[in-house]
């Protein structure tokens, strides 16, 4: 962003072509309120933000770990530094009774989290959930040098599918933020 004052707002709308309603904040219930965190970091740092690319990645039953297209960031550190990784995504389940979608960070070729289920897990079915959101937050001290952080996805379920880049639509994309102090 350029220097100066900026206004950031979050908006919600009901899809006019769908039945039912959507409610922002569900009245005054504290658990249903929206929260926005906005922070600035010095320019020239090792901060990287990328969005997934490519066609929909639909993974069938018990798929292999698969890199999310375009969700990879590289940075070079001049000294050991605490680095924060954040990922937010929208998953899509399109067939079968369930998809067990696992997500994980991969740091310099080393996958993090459980061997089968990664670091976060969503379970969805076409009967009850079609689009679901997922997110991960992780911090790690990295040594000086070049590093690559990427995100992998896997369907660990035995029926159905799950995936990301849903229908190659912008709201189906995944986003990765790598932040240093």
N, C-alpha and C. Protein backbone atom coordinates (compact mmCIF):
# COMPACT_ATOMS: atom_id res chain seq x y z
N UNK A 1 0.84 -1.17 0.00
CA UNK A 1 0.00 0.00 0.00
C UNK A 1 0.88 1.24 0.00
N UNK A 2 0.40 2.27 -0.58
CA UNK A 2 1.14 3.52 -0.61
C UNK A 2 1.04 4.19 0.75
N UNK A 3 1.95 5.11 1.03
CA UNK A 3 1.93 5.84 2.29
C UNK A 3 0.64 6.64 2.41
N UNK A 4 0.14 6.76 3.63
CA UNK A 4 -1.07 7.53 3.85
C UNK A 4 -2.11 6.76 4.61
N UNK A 5 -3.27 7.35 4.74
CA UNK A 5 -4.39 6.76 5.47
C UNK A 5 -5.20 5.85 4.56
N UNK A 6 -5.64 4.71 5.09
CA UNK A 6 -6.40 3.74 4.32
C UNK A 6 -7.59 3.24 5.15
N UNK A 7 -8.67 2.87 4.49
CA UNK A 7 -9.82 2.28 5.14
C UNK A 7 -9.99 0.86 4.63
N UNK A 8 -10.14 -0.08 5.54
CA UNK A 8 -10.34 -1.48 5.18
C UNK A 8 -11.64 -1.93 5.82
N UNK A 9 -12.49 -2.60 5.04
CA UNK A 9 -13.75 -3.09 5.60
C UNK A 9 -14.04 -4.49 5.07
N UNK A 10 -14.76 -5.25 5.87
CA UNK A 10 -15.20 -6.59 5.46
C UNK A 10 -16.68 -6.49 5.12
N UNK A 11 -17.10 -7.18 4.07
CA UNK A 11 -18.49 -7.13 3.65
C UNK A 11 -19.03 -8.54 3.49
N UNK A 12 -20.34 -8.69 3.62
CA UNK A 12 -20.99 -9.97 3.43
C UNK A 12 -22.24 -9.76 2.60
N UNK A 13 -22.58 -10.73 1.78
CA UNK A 13 -23.80 -10.65 0.97
C UNK A 13 -24.36 -12.04 0.81
N UNK A 14 -25.67 -12.15 0.72
CA UNK A 14 -26.32 -13.43 0.46
C UNK A 14 -26.34 -13.65 -1.04
N UNK A 15 -25.99 -14.84 -1.48
CA UNK A 15 -26.03 -15.18 -2.89
C UNK A 15 -27.49 -15.18 -3.34
N UNK A 16 -27.84 -14.26 -4.20
CA UNK A 16 -29.24 -14.09 -4.62
C UNK A 16 -29.81 -15.33 -5.30
N UNK A 17 -28.96 -16.18 -5.85
CA UNK A 17 -29.44 -17.36 -6.54
C UNK A 17 -29.65 -18.56 -5.64
N UNK A 18 -29.36 -18.42 -4.35
CA UNK A 18 -29.47 -19.55 -3.43
C UNK A 18 -30.65 -19.33 -2.47
N UNK A 19 -31.16 -20.43 -1.94
CA UNK A 19 -32.23 -20.32 -0.94
C UNK A 19 -31.62 -20.13 0.44
N UNK A 20 -32.41 -19.68 1.37
CA UNK A 20 -31.92 -19.47 2.73
C UNK A 20 -31.35 -18.08 2.90
N UNK A 21 -30.88 -17.81 4.10
CA UNK A 21 -30.32 -16.50 4.42
C UNK A 21 -28.95 -16.67 5.03
N UNK A 22 -28.21 -15.60 5.02
CA UNK A 22 -26.95 -15.59 5.76
C UNK A 22 -26.99 -14.38 6.68
N UNK A 23 -26.45 -14.54 7.87
CA UNK A 23 -26.47 -13.49 8.87
C UNK A 23 -25.05 -13.15 9.27
N UNK A 24 -24.74 -11.87 9.26
CA UNK A 24 -23.43 -11.42 9.70
C UNK A 24 -23.49 -11.15 11.19
N UNK A 25 -22.80 -11.93 11.98
CA UNK A 25 -22.70 -11.67 13.40
C UNK A 25 -23.78 -12.29 14.27
N UNK A 26 -24.82 -12.90 13.71
CA UNK A 26 -25.88 -13.57 14.46
C UNK A 26 -26.28 -12.77 15.69
N UNK A 27 -26.84 -11.61 15.44
CA UNK A 27 -27.28 -10.76 16.56
C UNK A 27 -26.11 -10.23 17.35
N UNK A 28 -26.21 -10.29 18.64
CA UNK A 28 -25.14 -9.80 19.50
C UNK A 28 -24.37 -10.92 20.18
N UNK A 29 -24.47 -12.13 19.67
CA UNK A 29 -23.76 -13.26 20.27
C UNK A 29 -22.26 -13.08 20.09
N UNK A 30 -21.51 -13.09 21.16
CA UNK A 30 -20.07 -12.84 21.10
C UNK A 30 -19.35 -13.86 20.23
N UNK A 31 -19.79 -15.12 20.24
CA UNK A 31 -19.10 -16.15 19.46
C UNK A 31 -19.31 -15.99 17.96
N UNK A 32 -20.26 -15.20 17.56
CA UNK A 32 -20.56 -15.07 16.13
C UNK A 32 -20.09 -13.74 15.56
N UNK A 33 -19.40 -12.95 16.32
CA UNK A 33 -18.94 -11.65 15.83
C UNK A 33 -17.74 -11.80 14.93
N UNK A 34 -17.64 -10.87 14.00
CA UNK A 34 -16.50 -10.83 13.11
C UNK A 34 -15.37 -10.06 13.79
N UNK A 35 -14.15 -10.45 13.52
CA UNK A 35 -12.99 -9.75 14.04
C UNK A 35 -12.04 -9.46 12.90
N UNK A 36 -11.47 -8.28 12.91
CA UNK A 36 -10.51 -7.91 11.89
C UNK A 36 -9.22 -7.47 12.57
N UNK A 37 -8.12 -8.02 12.11
CA UNK A 37 -6.81 -7.65 12.64
C UNK A 37 -6.02 -7.06 11.49
N UNK A 38 -5.63 -5.82 11.63
CA UNK A 38 -4.86 -5.14 10.59
C UNK A 38 -3.55 -4.71 11.21
N UNK A 39 -2.44 -5.04 10.57
CA UNK A 39 -1.14 -4.67 11.09
C UNK A 39 -0.27 -4.19 9.95
N UNK A 40 0.71 -3.39 10.26
CA UNK A 40 1.65 -2.96 9.24
C UNK A 40 3.04 -3.43 9.64
N UNK A 41 3.86 -3.68 8.66
CA UNK A 41 5.23 -4.10 8.89
C UNK A 41 6.14 -3.19 8.09
N UNK A 42 7.36 -3.06 8.51
CA UNK A 42 8.27 -2.16 7.78
C UNK A 42 8.46 -2.62 6.34
N UNK A 43 8.57 -1.67 5.43
CA UNK A 43 8.83 -2.03 4.04
C UNK A 43 10.24 -2.59 3.92
N UNK A 44 10.44 -3.43 2.95
CA UNK A 44 11.75 -4.02 2.73
C UNK A 44 12.02 -5.25 3.56
N UNK A 45 11.08 -5.67 4.40
CA UNK A 45 11.28 -6.87 5.19
C UNK A 45 11.07 -8.12 4.35
N UNK A 46 11.10 -9.26 5.01
CA UNK A 46 10.93 -10.53 4.32
C UNK A 46 9.48 -10.99 4.38
N UNK A 47 8.54 -10.10 4.15
CA UNK A 47 7.12 -10.44 4.20
C UNK A 47 6.62 -10.79 2.81
N UNK A 48 5.91 -11.91 2.71
CA UNK A 48 5.44 -12.40 1.42
C UNK A 48 3.97 -12.81 1.57
N UNK A 49 3.16 -12.44 0.60
CA UNK A 49 1.76 -12.87 0.57
C UNK A 49 1.46 -13.38 -0.83
N UNK A 50 0.95 -14.61 -0.93
CA UNK A 50 0.63 -15.20 -2.24
C UNK A 50 -0.74 -15.86 -2.20
N UNK A 51 -1.33 -15.99 -3.37
CA UNK A 51 -2.63 -16.64 -3.52
C UNK A 51 -2.46 -17.85 -4.42
N UNK A 52 -3.23 -18.90 -4.15
CA UNK A 52 -3.15 -20.11 -4.97
C UNK A 52 -3.56 -19.80 -6.41
N UNK A 53 -3.09 -20.62 -7.31
CA UNK A 53 -3.35 -20.43 -8.73
C UNK A 53 -3.81 -21.74 -9.35
N UNK A 54 -4.27 -21.66 -10.58
CA UNK A 54 -4.60 -22.86 -11.34
C UNK A 54 -6.04 -23.30 -11.20
N UNK A 55 -6.30 -24.43 -11.78
CA UNK A 55 -7.65 -25.00 -11.80
C UNK A 55 -7.97 -25.64 -10.45
N UNK A 56 -9.21 -26.05 -10.30
CA UNK A 56 -9.63 -26.72 -9.07
C UNK A 56 -8.77 -27.96 -8.82
N UNK A 57 -8.39 -28.16 -7.57
CA UNK A 57 -7.66 -29.35 -7.16
C UNK A 57 -8.62 -30.21 -6.34
N UNK A 58 -9.25 -31.17 -6.98
CA UNK A 58 -10.16 -32.09 -6.29
C UNK A 58 -9.42 -33.40 -6.05
N UNK A 59 -9.32 -33.77 -4.78
CA UNK A 59 -8.55 -34.95 -4.40
C UNK A 59 -9.49 -36.07 -3.99
N UNK A 60 -9.37 -37.22 -4.64
CA UNK A 60 -10.19 -38.38 -4.34
C UNK A 60 -9.75 -39.06 -3.06
N UNK A 61 -10.43 -40.14 -2.72
CA UNK A 61 -10.18 -40.88 -1.48
C UNK A 61 -8.72 -41.23 -1.29
N UNK A 62 -8.27 -41.13 -0.07
CA UNK A 62 -6.90 -41.45 0.36
C UNK A 62 -5.85 -41.00 -0.65
N UNK A 63 -5.92 -39.73 -1.01
CA UNK A 63 -4.96 -39.18 -1.98
C UNK A 63 -3.60 -38.97 -1.32
N UNK A 64 -2.62 -38.76 -2.15
CA UNK A 64 -1.29 -38.41 -1.67
C UNK A 64 -1.27 -36.94 -1.27
N UNK A 65 -0.29 -36.54 -0.46
CA UNK A 65 -0.10 -35.13 -0.17
C UNK A 65 0.23 -34.43 -1.48
N UNK A 66 -0.43 -33.32 -1.74
CA UNK A 66 -0.31 -32.61 -3.01
C UNK A 66 -0.06 -31.13 -2.74
N UNK A 67 0.98 -30.54 -3.36
CA UNK A 67 1.19 -29.10 -3.18
C UNK A 67 0.01 -28.31 -3.74
N UNK A 68 -0.41 -27.27 -3.02
CA UNK A 68 -1.46 -26.39 -3.51
C UNK A 68 -0.82 -25.47 -4.55
N UNK A 69 -1.36 -25.45 -5.76
CA UNK A 69 -0.80 -24.67 -6.85
C UNK A 69 -0.58 -23.21 -6.50
N UNK A 70 0.64 -22.74 -6.65
CA UNK A 70 0.96 -21.34 -6.43
C UNK A 70 1.14 -20.94 -4.98
N UNK A 71 0.90 -21.85 -4.04
CA UNK A 71 0.97 -21.49 -2.62
C UNK A 71 2.35 -21.82 -2.05
N UNK A 72 3.33 -21.07 -2.52
CA UNK A 72 4.71 -21.25 -2.11
C UNK A 72 5.37 -19.88 -2.06
N UNK A 73 6.16 -19.65 -1.02
CA UNK A 73 6.84 -18.37 -0.86
C UNK A 73 8.29 -18.62 -0.45
N UNK A 74 9.18 -17.80 -0.98
CA UNK A 74 10.60 -17.90 -0.63
C UNK A 74 11.04 -16.61 0.04
N UNK A 75 11.96 -16.75 0.98
CA UNK A 75 12.52 -15.59 1.64
C UNK A 75 13.96 -15.86 2.01
N UNK A 76 14.74 -14.80 2.16
CA UNK A 76 16.13 -14.91 2.57
C UNK A 76 16.32 -14.10 3.83
N UNK A 77 16.87 -14.75 4.86
CA UNK A 77 17.08 -14.11 6.15
C UNK A 77 18.56 -13.86 6.37
N UNK A 78 18.90 -12.69 6.89
CA UNK A 78 20.31 -12.35 7.13
C UNK A 78 20.79 -12.85 8.50
N UNK A 79 19.83 -13.20 9.37
CA UNK A 79 20.16 -13.70 10.71
C UNK A 79 19.05 -14.65 11.14
N UNK A 80 19.28 -15.48 12.16
CA UNK A 80 18.18 -16.31 12.67
C UNK A 80 16.99 -15.43 13.04
N UNK A 81 15.80 -15.82 12.58
CA UNK A 81 14.62 -14.97 12.74
C UNK A 81 13.39 -15.81 13.03
N UNK A 82 12.53 -15.30 13.92
CA UNK A 82 11.24 -15.93 14.17
C UNK A 82 10.32 -15.57 13.00
N UNK A 83 9.79 -16.58 12.32
CA UNK A 83 8.95 -16.37 11.14
C UNK A 83 7.57 -16.93 11.43
N UNK A 84 6.54 -16.20 11.03
CA UNK A 84 5.16 -16.62 11.23
C UNK A 84 4.56 -16.97 9.87
N UNK A 85 3.88 -18.13 9.80
CA UNK A 85 3.20 -18.58 8.59
C UNK A 85 1.70 -18.59 8.88
N UNK A 86 0.92 -18.02 7.97
CA UNK A 86 -0.53 -18.04 8.10
C UNK A 86 -1.11 -18.51 6.78
N UNK A 87 -2.12 -19.36 6.85
CA UNK A 87 -2.79 -19.84 5.65
C UNK A 87 -4.28 -19.81 5.89
N UNK A 88 -5.02 -19.31 4.93
CA UNK A 88 -6.48 -19.33 4.98
C UNK A 88 -6.97 -19.85 3.64
N UNK A 89 -7.96 -20.73 3.67
CA UNK A 89 -8.43 -21.33 2.43
C UNK A 89 -9.90 -21.66 2.52
N UNK A 90 -10.50 -21.85 1.36
CA UNK A 90 -11.85 -22.35 1.26
C UNK A 90 -11.78 -23.71 0.60
N UNK A 91 -12.31 -24.72 1.28
CA UNK A 91 -12.31 -26.08 0.73
C UNK A 91 -13.62 -26.34 0.02
N UNK A 92 -13.57 -27.29 -0.88
CA UNK A 92 -14.77 -27.68 -1.59
C UNK A 92 -14.92 -29.19 -1.55
N UNK A 93 -16.11 -29.65 -1.19
CA UNK A 93 -16.46 -31.08 -1.25
C UNK A 93 -17.54 -31.21 -2.31
N UNK A 94 -17.35 -32.07 -3.29
CA UNK A 94 -18.31 -32.13 -4.41
C UNK A 94 -18.96 -33.49 -4.60
N UNK A 95 -18.33 -34.57 -4.14
CA UNK A 95 -18.90 -35.90 -4.37
C UNK A 95 -18.75 -36.78 -3.14
N UNK A 96 -19.55 -37.84 -3.09
CA UNK A 96 -19.40 -38.85 -2.05
C UNK A 96 -19.97 -38.45 -0.71
N UNK A 97 -19.75 -39.30 0.27
CA UNK A 97 -20.32 -39.07 1.59
C UNK A 97 -19.44 -38.18 2.46
N UNK A 98 -18.15 -38.18 2.26
CA UNK A 98 -17.30 -37.28 3.06
C UNK A 98 -15.93 -37.13 2.44
N UNK A 99 -15.34 -36.01 2.73
CA UNK A 99 -13.95 -35.76 2.39
C UNK A 99 -13.25 -35.37 3.68
N UNK A 100 -12.08 -35.90 3.92
CA UNK A 100 -11.31 -35.59 5.12
C UNK A 100 -10.07 -34.84 4.64
N UNK A 101 -10.21 -33.52 4.57
CA UNK A 101 -9.17 -32.69 3.96
C UNK A 101 -8.16 -32.25 5.02
N UNK A 102 -6.93 -32.71 4.87
CA UNK A 102 -5.84 -32.31 5.75
C UNK A 102 -4.95 -31.29 5.06
N UNK A 103 -4.43 -30.35 5.84
CA UNK A 103 -3.55 -29.30 5.34
C UNK A 103 -2.28 -29.28 6.18
N UNK A 104 -1.16 -28.91 5.57
CA UNK A 104 0.08 -28.78 6.33
C UNK A 104 1.02 -27.79 5.65
N UNK A 105 1.88 -27.18 6.47
CA UNK A 105 2.97 -26.37 5.94
C UNK A 105 4.13 -27.29 5.61
N UNK A 106 4.90 -26.90 4.64
CA UNK A 106 6.13 -27.59 4.27
C UNK A 106 7.22 -26.52 4.31
N UNK A 107 8.21 -26.70 5.20
CA UNK A 107 9.27 -25.72 5.37
C UNK A 107 10.57 -26.33 4.88
N UNK A 108 11.12 -25.76 3.83
CA UNK A 108 12.38 -26.23 3.25
C UNK A 108 12.37 -27.73 2.96
N UNK A 109 11.24 -28.22 2.46
CA UNK A 109 11.12 -29.62 2.08
C UNK A 109 10.74 -30.55 3.22
N UNK A 110 10.55 -30.01 4.43
CA UNK A 110 10.16 -30.82 5.57
C UNK A 110 8.70 -30.56 5.91
N UNK A 111 7.82 -31.56 5.75
CA UNK A 111 6.41 -31.36 6.07
C UNK A 111 6.21 -31.30 7.59
N UNK A 112 5.29 -30.45 8.02
CA UNK A 112 4.99 -30.31 9.44
C UNK A 112 3.69 -31.04 9.76
N UNK A 113 3.52 -31.42 11.01
CA UNK A 113 2.27 -32.03 11.46
C UNK A 113 2.23 -33.54 11.32
N UNK A 114 1.05 -34.08 11.56
CA UNK A 114 0.79 -35.51 11.51
C UNK A 114 1.02 -36.06 10.10
N UNK A 115 1.58 -37.25 10.01
CA UNK A 115 1.88 -37.87 8.73
C UNK A 115 0.64 -38.01 7.84
N UNK A 116 -0.50 -38.37 8.43
CA UNK A 116 -1.72 -38.58 7.65
C UNK A 116 -2.63 -37.36 7.58
N UNK A 117 -2.70 -36.58 8.67
CA UNK A 117 -3.70 -35.52 8.75
C UNK A 117 -3.12 -34.11 8.78
N UNK A 118 -1.82 -33.95 8.74
CA UNK A 118 -1.22 -32.63 8.67
C UNK A 118 -1.37 -31.84 9.94
N UNK A 119 -1.63 -30.53 9.79
CA UNK A 119 -1.73 -29.63 10.93
C UNK A 119 -3.15 -29.16 11.20
N UNK A 120 -4.01 -29.26 10.23
CA UNK A 120 -5.42 -28.94 10.43
C UNK A 120 -6.25 -29.85 9.55
N UNK A 121 -7.48 -30.09 9.96
CA UNK A 121 -8.31 -31.09 9.30
C UNK A 121 -9.74 -30.59 9.22
N UNK A 122 -10.35 -30.75 8.05
CA UNK A 122 -11.77 -30.45 7.87
C UNK A 122 -12.45 -31.68 7.31
N UNK A 123 -13.65 -31.95 7.79
CA UNK A 123 -14.43 -33.07 7.27
C UNK A 123 -15.73 -32.50 6.73
N UNK A 124 -16.04 -32.80 5.49
CA UNK A 124 -17.25 -32.27 4.90
C UNK A 124 -17.91 -33.29 3.99
N UNK A 125 -19.21 -33.13 3.78
CA UNK A 125 -19.92 -33.98 2.83
C UNK A 125 -20.81 -33.11 1.96
N UNK A 126 -21.15 -33.60 0.80
CA UNK A 126 -22.00 -32.81 -0.08
C UNK A 126 -23.39 -32.65 0.51
N UNK A 127 -23.77 -33.53 1.42
CA UNK A 127 -25.10 -33.44 2.03
C UNK A 127 -25.17 -32.32 3.08
N UNK A 128 -24.06 -32.06 3.76
CA UNK A 128 -24.11 -31.08 4.84
C UNK A 128 -23.19 -29.89 4.65
N UNK A 129 -22.10 -30.05 3.99
CA UNK A 129 -21.19 -28.93 3.75
C UNK A 129 -20.61 -29.02 2.35
N UNK A 130 -20.62 -27.92 1.68
CA UNK A 130 -20.05 -27.89 0.34
C UNK A 130 -18.78 -27.05 0.36
N UNK A 131 -18.90 -25.83 0.80
CA UNK A 131 -17.73 -24.97 0.97
C UNK A 131 -17.47 -24.81 2.46
N UNK A 132 -16.25 -25.04 2.89
CA UNK A 132 -15.88 -24.83 4.29
C UNK A 132 -14.55 -24.09 4.33
N UNK A 133 -14.34 -23.34 5.38
CA UNK A 133 -13.08 -22.60 5.49
C UNK A 133 -12.13 -23.34 6.42
N UNK A 134 -10.86 -23.11 6.22
CA UNK A 134 -9.84 -23.68 7.09
C UNK A 134 -8.71 -22.66 7.21
N UNK A 135 -7.95 -22.76 8.27
CA UNK A 135 -6.81 -21.86 8.44
C UNK A 135 -5.75 -22.53 9.30
N UNK A 136 -4.53 -22.05 9.14
CA UNK A 136 -3.42 -22.53 9.96
C UNK A 136 -2.57 -21.33 10.35
N UNK A 137 -1.97 -21.40 11.53
CA UNK A 137 -1.04 -20.39 12.01
C UNK A 137 0.10 -21.13 12.68
N UNK A 138 1.33 -20.78 12.31
CA UNK A 138 2.49 -21.50 12.84
C UNK A 138 3.67 -20.53 12.89
N UNK A 139 4.50 -20.66 13.89
CA UNK A 139 5.71 -19.85 13.99
C UNK A 139 6.90 -20.74 14.24
N UNK A 140 8.03 -20.34 13.68
CA UNK A 140 9.24 -21.14 13.86
C UNK A 140 10.47 -20.25 13.69
N UNK A 141 11.50 -20.53 14.46
CA UNK A 141 12.77 -19.83 14.33
C UNK A 141 13.51 -20.47 13.15
N UNK A 142 13.82 -19.68 12.14
CA UNK A 142 14.55 -20.18 10.98
C UNK A 142 15.96 -19.61 10.98
N UNK A 143 16.95 -20.40 10.59
CA UNK A 143 18.33 -19.90 10.56
C UNK A 143 18.52 -18.93 9.38
N UNK A 144 19.62 -18.21 9.40
CA UNK A 144 19.95 -17.32 8.30
C UNK A 144 20.05 -18.14 7.01
N UNK A 145 19.69 -17.52 5.90
CA UNK A 145 19.77 -18.19 4.60
C UNK A 145 18.44 -18.15 3.87
N UNK A 146 18.38 -18.88 2.76
CA UNK A 146 17.18 -18.94 1.93
C UNK A 146 16.25 -20.04 2.41
N UNK A 147 14.94 -19.76 2.37
CA UNK A 147 13.93 -20.71 2.83
C UNK A 147 12.73 -20.67 1.91
N UNK A 148 12.05 -21.82 1.80
CA UNK A 148 10.82 -21.92 1.03
C UNK A 148 9.74 -22.52 1.90
N UNK A 149 8.60 -21.84 1.93
CA UNK A 149 7.45 -22.30 2.68
C UNK A 149 6.33 -22.57 1.69
N UNK A 150 5.73 -23.75 1.76
CA UNK A 150 4.63 -24.08 0.86
C UNK A 150 3.53 -24.78 1.66
N UNK A 151 2.41 -25.03 1.00
CA UNK A 151 1.26 -25.66 1.64
C UNK A 151 0.86 -26.89 0.84
N UNK A 152 0.62 -28.00 1.54
CA UNK A 152 0.16 -29.25 0.94
C UNK A 152 -1.26 -29.55 1.41
N UNK A 153 -2.00 -30.29 0.58
CA UNK A 153 -3.36 -30.71 0.92
C UNK A 153 -3.48 -32.20 0.61
N UNK A 154 -4.33 -32.90 1.37
CA UNK A 154 -4.53 -34.34 1.17
C UNK A 154 -5.93 -34.72 1.62
N UNK A 155 -6.57 -35.62 0.88
CA UNK A 155 -7.83 -36.20 1.31
C UNK A 155 -7.51 -37.53 1.98
N UNK A 156 -7.71 -37.58 3.29
CA UNK A 156 -7.45 -38.80 4.04
C UNK A 156 -8.67 -39.67 4.21
N UNK A 157 -9.81 -39.24 3.65
CA UNK A 157 -11.05 -40.01 3.77
C UNK A 157 -11.09 -41.17 2.79
N UNK A 158 -11.96 -42.13 3.09
CA UNK A 158 -12.08 -43.31 2.22
C UNK A 158 -13.26 -43.21 1.28
N UNK A 159 -13.99 -42.09 1.32
CA UNK A 159 -15.05 -41.87 0.35
C UNK A 159 -15.16 -40.37 0.09
N UNK A 160 -15.68 -40.00 -1.03
CA UNK A 160 -15.83 -38.59 -1.35
C UNK A 160 -14.54 -37.94 -1.77
N UNK A 161 -14.61 -36.65 -1.93
CA UNK A 161 -13.44 -35.88 -2.33
C UNK A 161 -13.39 -34.59 -1.52
N UNK A 162 -12.30 -33.89 -1.64
CA UNK A 162 -12.17 -32.54 -1.09
C UNK A 162 -11.08 -31.86 -1.90
N UNK A 163 -11.02 -30.56 -1.81
CA UNK A 163 -10.01 -29.87 -2.57
C UNK A 163 -10.04 -28.38 -2.35
N UNK A 164 -9.24 -27.70 -3.15
CA UNK A 164 -9.14 -26.25 -3.07
C UNK A 164 -9.13 -25.68 -4.48
N UNK A 165 -9.04 -24.37 -4.57
CA UNK A 165 -9.17 -23.66 -5.85
C UNK A 165 -10.54 -23.96 -6.45
N UNK A 166 -11.55 -24.08 -5.61
CA UNK A 166 -12.88 -24.49 -6.01
C UNK A 166 -13.39 -23.83 -7.27
N UNK A 167 -13.60 -24.62 -8.30
CA UNK A 167 -14.10 -24.16 -9.60
C UNK A 167 -13.26 -23.03 -10.16
N UNK A 168 -12.03 -22.88 -9.70
CA UNK A 168 -11.12 -21.82 -10.12
C UNK A 168 -11.73 -20.44 -9.87
N UNK A 169 -12.63 -20.32 -8.88
CA UNK A 169 -13.27 -19.05 -8.55
C UNK A 169 -12.44 -18.31 -7.49
N UNK A 170 -12.44 -16.97 -7.51
CA UNK A 170 -11.63 -16.23 -6.56
C UNK A 170 -11.92 -16.58 -5.10
N UNK A 171 -13.19 -16.82 -4.74
CA UNK A 171 -13.49 -17.14 -3.35
C UNK A 171 -13.11 -18.56 -2.97
N UNK A 172 -12.69 -19.35 -3.93
CA UNK A 172 -12.24 -20.70 -3.64
C UNK A 172 -10.73 -20.81 -3.48
N UNK A 173 -10.05 -19.70 -3.57
CA UNK A 173 -8.58 -19.71 -3.49
C UNK A 173 -8.07 -19.83 -2.07
N UNK A 174 -6.82 -20.25 -1.95
CA UNK A 174 -6.13 -20.30 -0.66
C UNK A 174 -5.10 -19.17 -0.66
N UNK A 175 -4.78 -18.67 0.51
CA UNK A 175 -3.82 -17.58 0.64
C UNK A 175 -2.78 -17.92 1.70
N UNK A 176 -1.55 -17.53 1.44
CA UNK A 176 -0.43 -17.79 2.34
C UNK A 176 0.25 -16.46 2.65
N UNK A 177 0.48 -16.21 3.93
CA UNK A 177 1.22 -15.02 4.38
C UNK A 177 2.40 -15.49 5.21
N UNK A 178 3.59 -15.05 4.83
CA UNK A 178 4.79 -15.34 5.59
C UNK A 178 5.28 -14.00 6.11
N UNK A 179 5.40 -13.91 7.44
CA UNK A 179 5.70 -12.61 8.04
C UNK A 179 6.89 -12.72 9.00
N UNK A 180 7.78 -11.73 8.90
CA UNK A 180 8.91 -11.60 9.83
C UNK A 180 8.81 -10.25 10.52
N UNK A 181 9.43 -10.11 11.70
CA UNK A 181 9.36 -8.83 12.41
C UNK A 181 10.04 -7.71 11.63
